[in-house]
PDB file of N, CA and C in Angstrom:
ATOM      1  N   MET A   1     -30.022  33.452  20.699  1.00  0.00           N
ATOM      2  CA  MET A   1     -29.690  32.685  19.613  1.00  0.00           C
ATOM      3  C   MET A   1     -30.652  32.800  18.479  1.00  0.00           C
ATOM      4  N   THR A   2     -31.892  33.005  18.796  1.00  0.00           N
ATOM      5  CA  THR A   2     -32.986  33.234  17.783  1.00  0.00           C
ATOM      6  C   THR A   2     -32.472  34.553  17.038  1.00  0.00           C
ATOM      7  N   HIS A   3     -32.414  35.523  17.639  1.00  0.00           N
ATOM      8  CA  HIS A   3     -31.954  36.870  17.172  1.00  0.00           C
ATOM      9  C   HIS A   3     -30.767  36.681  16.070  1.00  0.00           C
ATOM     10  N   VAL A   4     -29.726  35.924  16.478  1.00  0.00           N
ATOM     11  CA  VAL A   4     -28.641  35.662  15.559  1.00  0.00           C
ATOM     12  C   VAL A   4     -29.209  34.883  14.275  1.00  0.00           C
ATOM     13  N   ARG A   5     -30.118  33.885  14.394  1.00  0.00           N
ATOM     14  CA  ARG A   5     -30.535  33.418  13.225  1.00  0.00           C
ATOM     15  C   ARG A   5     -31.456  34.199  12.373  1.00  0.00           C
ATOM     16  N   THR A   6     -32.137  34.912  13.057  1.00  0.00           N
ATOM     17  CA  THR A   6     -32.960  36.035  12.190  1.00  0.00           C
ATOM     18  C   THR A   6     -31.964  36.851  11.476  1.00  0.00           C
ATOM     19  N   LEU A   7     -31.134  37.519  12.149  1.00  0.00           N
ATOM     20  CA  LEU A   7     -30.061  38.312  11.447  1.00  0.00           C
ATOM     21  C   LEU A   7     -29.360  37.641  10.280  1.00  0.00           C
ATOM     22  N   ALA A   8     -29.103  36.416  10.587  1.00  0.00           N
ATOM     23  CA  ALA A   8     -28.449  35.612   9.316  1.00  0.00           C
ATOM     24  C   ALA A   8     -29.389  35.470   8.175  1.00  0.00           C
ATOM     25  N   THR A   9     -30.730  35.100   8.589  1.00  0.00           N
ATOM     26  CA  THR A   9     -31.575  34.988   7.373  1.00  0.00           C
ATOM     27  C   THR A   9     -31.838  36.237   6.698  1.00  0.00           C
ATOM     28  N   ILE A  10     -31.881  37.311   7.418  1.00  0.00           N
ATOM     29  CA  ILE A  10     -32.169  38.712   6.789  1.00  0.00           C
ATOM     30  C   ILE A  10     -30.810  39.056   5.890  1.00  0.00           C
ATOM     31  N   LEU A  11     -29.681  38.704   6.447  1.00  0.00           N
ATOM     32  CA  LEU A  11     -28.388  38.847   5.771  1.00  0.00           C
ATOM     33  C   LEU A  11     -28.439  38.095   4.396  1.00  0.00           C
ATOM     34  N   LEU A  12     -28.773  36.731   4.471  1.00  0.00           N
ATOM     35  CA  LEU A  12     -28.850  36.115   3.159  1.00  0.00           C
ATOM     36  C   LEU A  12     -29.952  36.563   2.214  1.00  0.00           C
ATOM     37  N   LEU A  13     -30.979  36.959   2.801  1.00  0.00           N
ATOM     38  CA  LEU A  13     -32.163  37.561   1.822  1.00  0.00           C
ATOM     39  C   LEU A  13     -31.583  38.856   1.108  1.00  0.00           C
ATOM     40  N   LEU A  14     -30.936  39.747   2.056  1.00  0.00           N
ATOM     41  CA  LEU A  14     -30.378  40.849   1.421  1.00  0.00           C
ATOM     42  C   LEU A  14     -29.179  40.813   0.391  1.00  0.00           C
ATOM     43  N   THR A  15     -28.435  39.717   0.714  1.00  0.00           N
ATOM     44  CA  THR A  15     -27.369  39.351  -0.251  1.00  0.00           C
ATOM     45  C   THR A  15     -27.994  38.917  -1.547  1.00  0.00           C
ATOM     46  N   GLY A  16     -29.155  38.046  -1.350  1.00  0.00           N
ATOM     47  CA  GLY A  16     -29.702  37.520  -2.581  1.00  0.00           C
ATOM     48  C   GLY A  16     -30.215  38.814  -3.490  1.00  0.00           C
ATOM     49  N   ALA A  17     -30.888  39.715  -2.735  1.00  0.00           N
ATOM     50  CA  ALA A  17     -31.460  40.970  -3.431  1.00  0.00           C
ATOM     51  C   ALA A  17     -30.482  41.798  -4.092  1.00  0.00           C
ATOM     52  N   ALA A  18     -29.414  41.852  -3.347  1.00  0.00           N
ATOM     53  CA  ALA A  18     -28.292  42.641  -3.863  1.00  0.00           C
ATOM     54  C   ALA A  18     -27.600  42.082  -5.160  1.00  0.00           C
ATOM     55  N   HIS A  19     -27.681  40.848  -5.254  1.00  0.00           N
ATOM     56  CA  HIS A  19     -27.111  40.007  -6.384  1.00  0.00           C
ATOM     57  C   HIS A  19     -28.120  40.116  -7.561  1.00  0.00           C
ATOM     58  N   ALA A  20     -29.482  40.076  -7.168  1.00  0.00           N
ATOM     59  CA  ALA A  20     -30.662  40.167  -8.176  1.00  0.00           C
ATOM     60  C   ALA A  20     -30.403  41.540  -8.687  1.00  0.00           C
ATOM     61  N   GLN A  21     -30.188  42.549  -7.964  1.00  0.00           N
ATOM     62  CA  GLN A  21     -30.063  43.788  -8.492  1.00  0.00           C
ATOM     63  C   GLN A  21     -28.858  44.070  -9.326  1.00  0.00           C
ATOM     64  N   ASP A  22     -27.751  43.450  -9.190  1.00  0.00           N
ATOM     65  CA  ASP A  22     -26.601  43.442  -9.815  1.00  0.00           C
ATOM     66  C   ASP A  22     -26.799  43.024 -11.190  1.00  0.00           C
ATOM     67  N   ASN A  23     -27.648  42.042 -11.510  1.00  0.00           N
ATOM     68  CA  ASN A  23     -27.744  41.656 -12.745  1.00  0.00           C
ATOM     69  C   ASN A  23     -28.660  42.610 -13.772  1.00  0.00           C
ATOM     70  N   GLY A  24     -28.889  43.627 -13.067  1.00  0.00           N
ATOM     71  CA  GLY A  24     -29.641  44.805 -13.819  1.00  0.00           C
ATOM     72  C   GLY A  24     -31.110  44.521 -14.177  1.00  0.00           C
ATOM     73  N   GLY A  25     -31.586  43.423 -13.566  1.00  0.00           N
ATOM     74  CA  GLY A  25     -33.052  43.052 -13.746  1.00  0.00           C
ATOM     75  C   GLY A  25     -33.217  42.568 -15.217  1.00  0.00           C
ATOM     76  N   ASN A  26     -32.239  42.204 -15.808  1.00  0.00           N
ATOM     77  CA  ASN A  26     -32.397  41.674 -17.158  1.00  0.00           C
ATOM     78  C   ASN A  26     -32.895  40.045 -17.234  1.00  0.00           C
ATOM     79  N   GLY A  27     -33.326  39.630 -16.161  1.00  0.00           N
ATOM     80  CA  GLY A  27     -33.855  38.203 -16.152  1.00  0.00           C
ATOM     81  C   GLY A  27     -32.746  37.083 -15.955  1.00  0.00           C
ATOM     82  N   ALA A  28     -31.408  37.522 -15.894  1.00  0.00           N
ATOM     83  CA  ALA A  28     -30.616  36.715 -15.702  1.00  0.00           C
ATOM     84  C   ALA A  28     -30.651  36.013 -14.274  1.00  0.00           C
ATOM     85  N   ALA A  29     -30.367  34.772 -13.935  1.00  0.00           N
ATOM     86  CA  ALA A  29     -30.453  34.196 -12.729  1.00  0.00           C
ATOM     87  C   ALA A  29     -29.561  34.843 -11.728  1.00  0.00           C
ATOM     88  N   PRO A  30     -30.168  34.952 -10.643  1.00  0.00           N
ATOM     89  CA  PRO A  30     -29.243  35.629  -9.410  1.00  0.00           C
ATOM     90  C   PRO A  30     -27.954  34.827  -9.117  1.00  0.00           C
ATOM     91  N   ILE A  31     -27.033  35.356  -8.843  1.00  0.00           N
ATOM     92  CA  ILE A  31     -25.765  34.899  -8.361  1.00  0.00           C
ATOM     93  C   ILE A  31     -25.853  34.176  -7.106  1.00  0.00           C
ATOM     94  N   ALA A  32     -25.582  32.956  -7.009  1.00  0.00           N
ATOM     95  CA  ALA A  32     -25.552  32.076  -5.729  1.00  0.00           C
ATOM     96  C   ALA A  32     -24.725  32.607  -4.659  1.00  0.00           C
ATOM     97  N   VAL A  33     -25.229  32.493  -3.390  1.00  0.00           N
ATOM     98  CA  VAL A  33     -24.494  33.017  -2.360  1.00  0.00           C
ATOM     99  C   VAL A  33     -23.205  32.035  -2.187  1.00  0.00           C
ATOM    100  N   GLY A  34     -21.886  32.847  -2.164  1.00  0.00           N
ATOM    101  CA  GLY A  34     -20.904  32.183  -2.170  1.00  0.00           C
ATOM    102  C   GLY A  34     -20.393  31.415  -0.872  1.00  0.00           C
ATOM    103  N   GLN A  35     -19.308  30.748  -0.991  1.00  0.00           N
ATOM    104  CA  GLN A  35     -18.806  29.999   0.280  1.00  0.00           C
ATOM    105  C   GLN A  35     -18.307  30.955   1.456  1.00  0.00           C
ATOM    106  N   GLU A  36     -17.822  31.954   0.981  1.00  0.00           N
ATOM    107  CA  GLU A  36     -17.333  32.837   2.103  1.00  0.00           C
ATOM    108  C   GLU A  36     -18.494  33.567   2.870  1.00  0.00           C
ATOM    109  N   THR A  37     -19.401  33.898   2.183  1.00  0.00           N
ATOM    110  CA  THR A  37     -20.757  34.344   2.844  1.00  0.00           C
ATOM    111  C   THR A  37     -21.288  33.137   3.683  1.00  0.00           C
ATOM    112  N   ARG A  38     -21.552  32.116   3.172  1.00  0.00           N
ATOM    113  CA  ARG A  38     -21.978  31.026   4.104  1.00  0.00           C
ATOM    114  C   ARG A  38     -21.158  30.674   5.192  1.00  0.00           C
ATOM    115  N   ALA A  39     -19.704  30.753   5.142  1.00  0.00           N
ATOM    116  CA  ALA A  39     -18.997  30.479   6.281  1.00  0.00           C
ATOM    117  C   ALA A  39     -19.011  31.535   7.289  1.00  0.00           C
ATOM    118  N   TRP A  40     -19.133  32.895   6.765  1.00  0.00           N
ATOM    119  CA  TRP A  40     -19.360  34.030   7.786  1.00  0.00           C
ATOM    120  C   TRP A  40     -20.622  33.797   8.557  1.00  0.00           C
ATOM    121  N   VAL A  41     -21.856  33.410   7.763  1.00  0.00           N
ATOM    122  CA  VAL A  41     -23.080  33.295   8.640  1.00  0.00           C
ATOM    123  C   VAL A  41     -23.114  32.140   9.514  1.00  0.00           C
ATOM    124  N   ASP A  42     -22.397  31.137   9.221  1.00  0.00           N
ATOM    125  CA  ASP A  42     -22.226  29.830   9.980  1.00  0.00           C
ATOM    126  C   ASP A  42     -21.527  30.260  11.292  1.00  0.00           C
ATOM    127  N   LEU A  43     -20.330  31.127  11.131  1.00  0.00           N
ATOM    128  CA  LEU A  43     -19.561  31.564  12.129  1.00  0.00           C
ATOM    129  C   LEU A  43     -20.440  32.389  13.154  1.00  0.00           C
ATOM    130  N   GLN A  44     -21.391  33.173  12.604  1.00  0.00           N
ATOM    131  CA  GLN A  44     -22.409  34.003  13.473  1.00  0.00           C
ATOM    132  C   GLN A  44     -23.346  33.146  14.108  1.00  0.00           C
ATOM    133  N   THR A  45     -23.855  32.174  13.443  1.00  0.00           N
ATOM    134  CA  THR A  45     -25.084  31.415  14.128  1.00  0.00           C
ATOM    135  C   THR A  45     -24.388  30.257  14.965  1.00  0.00           C
ATOM    136  N   GLY A  46     -23.153  29.918  14.653  1.00  0.00           N
ATOM    137  CA  GLY A  46     -22.644  28.702  15.547  1.00  0.00           C
ATOM    138  C   GLY A  46     -22.255  29.090  17.021  1.00  0.00           C
ATOM    139  N   GLY A  47     -21.832  30.284  17.122  1.00  0.00           N
ATOM    140  CA  GLY A  47     -21.409  30.707  18.474  1.00  0.00           C
ATOM    141  C   GLY A  47     -20.090  30.438  18.813  1.00  0.00           C
ATOM    142  N   THR A  48     -19.455  29.577  18.061  1.00  0.00           N
ATOM    143  CA  THR A  48     -18.070  29.269  18.538  1.00  0.00           C
ATOM    144  C   THR A  48     -17.129  30.085  18.544  1.00  0.00           C
ATOM    145  N   ALA A  49     -17.398  31.412  17.944  1.00  0.00           N
ATOM    146  CA  ALA A  49     -16.459  32.492  17.966  1.00  0.00           C
ATOM    147  C   ALA A  49     -16.965  33.721  18.793  1.00  0.00           C
ATOM    148  N   ALA A  50     -17.829  33.344  19.593  1.00  0.00           N
ATOM    149  CA  ALA A  50     -18.518  34.314  20.530  1.00  0.00           C
ATOM    150  C   ALA A  50     -17.663  34.931  21.601  1.00  0.00           C
ATOM    151  N   SER A  51     -17.687  36.054  22.035  1.00  0.00           N
ATOM    152  CA  SER A  51     -16.761  36.614  23.020  1.00  0.00           C
ATOM    153  C   SER A  51     -17.112  35.946  24.397  1.00  0.00           C
ATOM    154  N   SER A  52     -16.180  35.708  25.240  1.00  0.00           N
ATOM    155  CA  SER A  52     -16.553  34.998  26.692  1.00  0.00           C
ATOM    156  C   SER A  52     -16.766  36.275  27.516  1.00  0.00           C
ATOM    157  N   VAL A  53     -16.660  37.499  27.232  1.00  0.00           N
ATOM    158  CA  VAL A  53     -16.968  38.665  28.054  1.00  0.00           C
ATOM    159  C   VAL A  53     -18.356  38.846  28.079  1.00  0.00           C
ATOM    160  N   ASP A  54     -18.912  38.926  29.051  1.00  0.00           N
ATOM    161  CA  ASP A  54     -20.351  39.272  29.398  1.00  0.00           C
ATOM    162  C   ASP A  54     -20.454  40.741  28.989  1.00  0.00           C
ATOM    163  N   ARG A  55     -21.264  41.221  28.165  1.00  0.00           N
ATOM    164  CA  ARG A  55     -21.539  42.577  27.874  1.00  0.00           C
ATOM    165  C   ARG A  55     -22.911  42.868  28.053  1.00  0.00           C
ATOM    166  N   SER A  56     -23.509  42.583  29.264  1.00  0.00           N
ATOM    167  CA  SER A  56     -24.906  42.948  29.644  1.00  0.00           C
ATOM    168  C   SER A  56     -25.052  44.252  29.644  1.00  0.00           C
ATOM    169  N   MET A  57     -26.421  44.692  29.430  1.00  0.00           N
ATOM    170  CA  MET A  57     -26.686  46.139  29.356  1.00  0.00           C
ATOM    171  C   MET A  57     -27.373  46.582  30.686  1.00  0.00           C
ATOM    172  N   PRO A  58     -26.723  47.818  31.145  1.00  0.00           N
ATOM    173  CA  PRO A  58     -27.223  48.262  32.487  1.00  0.00           C
ATOM    174  C   PRO A  58     -28.543  48.405  32.475  1.00  0.00           C
ATOM    175  N   GLY A  59     -29.375  48.325  33.600  1.00  0.00           N
ATOM    176  CA  GLY A  59     -30.801  48.448  33.669  1.00  0.00           C
ATOM    177  C   GLY A  59     -31.415  49.537  33.494  1.00  0.00           C
ATOM    178  N   ASP A  60     -30.757  50.846  33.604  1.00  0.00           N
ATOM    179  CA  ASP A  60     -31.364  52.145  33.118  1.00  0.00           C
ATOM    180  C   ASP A  60     -31.273  52.167  31.652  1.00  0.00           C
ATOM    181  N   ILE A  61     -30.187  51.658  31.010  1.00  0.00           N
ATOM    182  CA  ILE A  61     -30.198  51.871  29.559  1.00  0.00           C
ATOM    183  C   ILE A  61     -31.145  50.815  28.997  1.00  0.00           C
ATOM    184  N   ALA A  62     -31.254  49.464  29.626  1.00  0.00           N
ATOM    185  CA  ALA A  62     -32.235  48.538  29.125  1.00  0.00           C
ATOM    186  C   ALA A  62     -33.672  49.053  29.164  1.00  0.00           C
ATOM    187  N   GLU A  63     -33.839  49.685  30.199  1.00  0.00           N
ATOM    188  CA  GLU A  63     -35.276  50.544  30.342  1.00  0.00           C
ATOM    189  C   GLU A  63     -35.665  51.402  29.324  1.00  0.00           C
ATOM    190  N   ARG A  64     -34.673  52.427  29.066  1.00  0.00           N
ATOM    191  CA  ARG A  64     -34.740  53.394  28.011  1.00  0.00           C
ATOM    192  C   ARG A  64     -34.881  52.655  26.643  1.00  0.00           C
ATOM    193  N   VAL A  65     -34.146  51.610  26.214  1.00  0.00           N
ATOM    194  CA  VAL A  65     -34.411  50.965  24.958  1.00  0.00           C
ATOM    195  C   VAL A  65     -35.736  50.393  24.810  1.00  0.00           C
ATOM    196  N   TYR A  66     -36.066  49.667  25.895  1.00  0.00           N
ATOM    197  CA  TYR A  66     -37.542  48.968  25.888  1.00  0.00           C
ATOM    198  C   TYR A  66     -38.527  50.131  25.727  1.00  0.00           C
ATOM    199  N   GLN A  67     -38.384  51.245  26.595  1.00  0.00           N
ATOM    200  CA  GLN A  67     -39.413  52.352  26.389  1.00  0.00           C
ATOM    201  C   GLN A  67     -39.491  52.938  25.021  1.00  0.00           C
ATOM    202  N   ARG A  68     -38.344  52.978  24.408  1.00  0.00           N
ATOM    203  CA  ARG A  68     -38.247  53.536  23.020  1.00  0.00           C
ATOM    204  C   ARG A  68     -38.869  52.577  22.113  1.00  0.00           C
ATOM    205  N   HIS A  69     -38.720  51.280  22.305  1.00  0.00           N
ATOM    206  CA  HIS A  69     -39.384  50.301  21.499  1.00  0.00           C
ATOM    207  C   HIS A  69     -40.908  50.263  21.596  1.00  0.00           C
ATOM    208  N   ALA A  70     -41.322  50.301  22.747  1.00  0.00           N
ATOM    209  CA  ALA A  70     -42.865  50.347  23.195  1.00  0.00           C
ATOM    210  C   ALA A  70     -43.378  51.743  22.688  1.00  0.00           C
ATOM    211  N   ASP A  71     -42.721  52.901  22.696  1.00  0.00           N
ATOM    212  CA  ASP A  71     -43.354  54.130  22.233  1.00  0.00           C
ATOM    213  C   ASP A  71     -43.332  54.096  20.615  1.00  0.00           C
ATOM    214  N   SER A  72     -42.625  53.310  19.942  1.00  0.00           N
ATOM    215  CA  SER A  72     -42.742  53.126  18.423  1.00  0.00           C
ATOM    216  C   SER A  72     -44.111  52.593  18.045  1.00  0.00           C
ATOM    217  N   PHE A  73     -44.777  52.079  18.838  1.00  0.00           N
ATOM    218  CA  PHE A  73     -46.205  51.476  18.391  1.00  0.00           C
ATOM    219  C   PHE A  73     -47.117  52.567  18.527  1.00  0.00           C
ATOM    220  N   ALA A  74     -46.817  53.859  19.225  1.00  0.00           N
ATOM    221  CA  ALA A  74     -47.850  54.927  19.339  1.00  0.00           C
ATOM    222  C   ALA A  74     -48.421  55.533  18.152  1.00  0.00           C
ATOM    223  N   LYS A  75     -47.542  55.509  17.031  1.00  0.00           N
ATOM    224  CA  LYS A  75     -47.966  55.950  15.788  1.00  0.00           C
ATOM    225  C   LYS A  75     -48.155  55.047  14.808  1.00  0.00           C
ATOM    226  N   PRO A  76     -49.045  55.180  13.934  1.00  0.00           N
ATOM    227  CA  PRO A  76     -49.273  54.035  12.936  1.00  0.00           C
ATOM    228  C   PRO A  76     -48.271  54.115  11.784  1.00  0.00           C
ATOM    229  N   ILE A  77     -48.023  52.985  11.102  1.00  0.00           N
ATOM    230  CA  ILE A  77     -47.109  52.962  10.130  1.00  0.00           C
ATOM    231  C   ILE A  77     -47.747  53.506   8.828  1.00  0.00           C
ATOM    232  N   PRO A  78     -46.996  54.581   8.253  1.00  0.00           N
ATOM    233  CA  PRO A  78     -47.505  55.276   7.185  1.00  0.00           C
ATOM    234  C   PRO A  78     -47.560  54.252   5.908  1.00  0.00           C
ATOM    235  N   ASN A  79     -48.554  54.742   4.911  1.00  0.00           N
ATOM    236  CA  ASN A  79     -48.599  53.852   3.786  1.00  0.00           C
ATOM    237  C   ASN A  79     -47.369  53.996   2.805  1.00  0.00           C
ATOM    238  N   SER A  80     -46.724  55.238   2.968  1.00  0.00           N
ATOM    239  CA  SER A  80     -45.611  55.482   2.141  1.00  0.00           C
ATOM    240  C   SER A  80     -44.667  56.594   2.880  1.00  0.00           C
ATOM    241  N   LEU A  81     -43.511  56.651   2.595  1.00  0.00           N
ATOM    242  CA  LEU A  81     -42.399  57.493   3.088  1.00  0.00           C
ATOM    243  C   LEU A  81     -41.736  58.358   1.970  1.00  0.00           C
ATOM    244  N   GLY A  82     -41.996  59.648   2.149  1.00  0.00           N
ATOM    245  CA  GLY A  82     -41.421  60.550   0.998  1.00  0.00           C
ATOM    246  C   GLY A  82     -39.892  60.780   1.547  1.00  0.00           C
ATOM    247  N   ARG A  83     -39.071  61.165   0.538  1.00  0.00           N
ATOM    248  CA  ARG A  83     -37.734  61.521   0.749  1.00  0.00           C
ATOM    249  C   ARG A  83     -37.534  62.314   2.139  1.00  0.00           C
ATOM    250  N   GLU A  84     -38.349  63.233   2.278  1.00  0.00           N
ATOM    251  CA  GLU A  84     -38.160  64.220   3.205  1.00  0.00           C
ATOM    252  C   GLU A  84     -38.124  63.429   4.718  1.00  0.00           C
ATOM    253  N   ALA A  85     -38.791  62.389   4.766  1.00  0.00           N
ATOM    254  CA  ALA A  85     -38.858  61.469   5.968  1.00  0.00           C
ATOM    255  C   ALA A  85     -37.328  61.191   6.281  1.00  0.00           C
ATOM    256  N   PHE A  86     -36.507  61.048   5.491  1.00  0.00           N
ATOM    257  CA  PHE A  86     -35.220  60.380   5.688  1.00  0.00           C
ATOM    258  C   PHE A  86     -34.062  61.482   5.883  1.00  0.00           C
ATOM    259  N   VAL A  87     -34.391  62.704   5.405  1.00  0.00           N
ATOM    260  CA  VAL A  87     -33.336  63.850   5.540  1.00  0.00           C
ATOM    261  C   VAL A  87     -33.710  64.840   6.629  1.00  0.00           C
ATOM    262  N   GLY A  88     -32.704  65.008   7.585  1.00  0.00           N
ATOM    263  CA  GLY A  88     -33.031  65.867   8.800  1.00  0.00           C
ATOM    264  C   GLY A  88     -32.672  67.100   8.380  1.00  0.00           C
ATOM    265  N   GLU A  89     -32.975  68.137   9.317  1.00  0.00           N
ATOM    266  CA  GLU A  89     -32.648  69.463   9.052  1.00  0.00           C
ATOM    267  C   GLU A  89     -31.247  69.683   8.743  1.00  0.00           C
ATOM    268  N   GLY A  90     -30.885  70.397   7.753  1.00  0.00           N
ATOM    269  CA  GLY A  90     -29.470  70.773   7.439  1.00  0.00           C
ATOM    270  C   GLY A  90     -28.774  69.490   6.921  1.00  0.00           C
ATOM    271  N   GLY A  91     -29.399  68.373   6.616  1.00  0.00           N
ATOM    272  CA  GLY A  91     -28.730  67.275   6.068  1.00  0.00           C
ATOM    273  C   GLY A  91     -29.149  66.969   4.644  1.00  0.00           C
ATOM    274  N   GLY A  92     -28.482  65.976   3.974  1.00  0.00           N
ATOM    275  CA  GLY A  92     -29.010  65.643   2.785  1.00  0.00           C
ATOM    276  C   GLY A  92     -28.169  66.454   1.706  1.00  0.00           C
ATOM    277  N   GLU A  93     -28.762  66.451   0.474  1.00  0.00           N
ATOM    278  CA  GLU A  93     -27.905  66.914  -0.631  1.00  0.00           C
ATOM    279  C   GLU A  93     -28.085  68.445  -0.772  1.00  0.00           C
TER     280      GLU A  93
END
């Protein structure tokens, strides 16, 4: 449930940031999050619409996911990322 609340918080922050960008940075007040967005977030955090089907992750997959997560700490976080860091071979524009 903590992960759902964290996701909901991030969603609200991103929604606010998107609205702030929409005003063109002209100093206008950001648009408030609407009722539909709040209802959507409440639906996610409330758990009342959650599936009753257990979708647990098989052990071998869970182990690989955990290992990938653990391996991500092997390299330091760079101070900045250039565009080339996001464009793979043969991809991009």
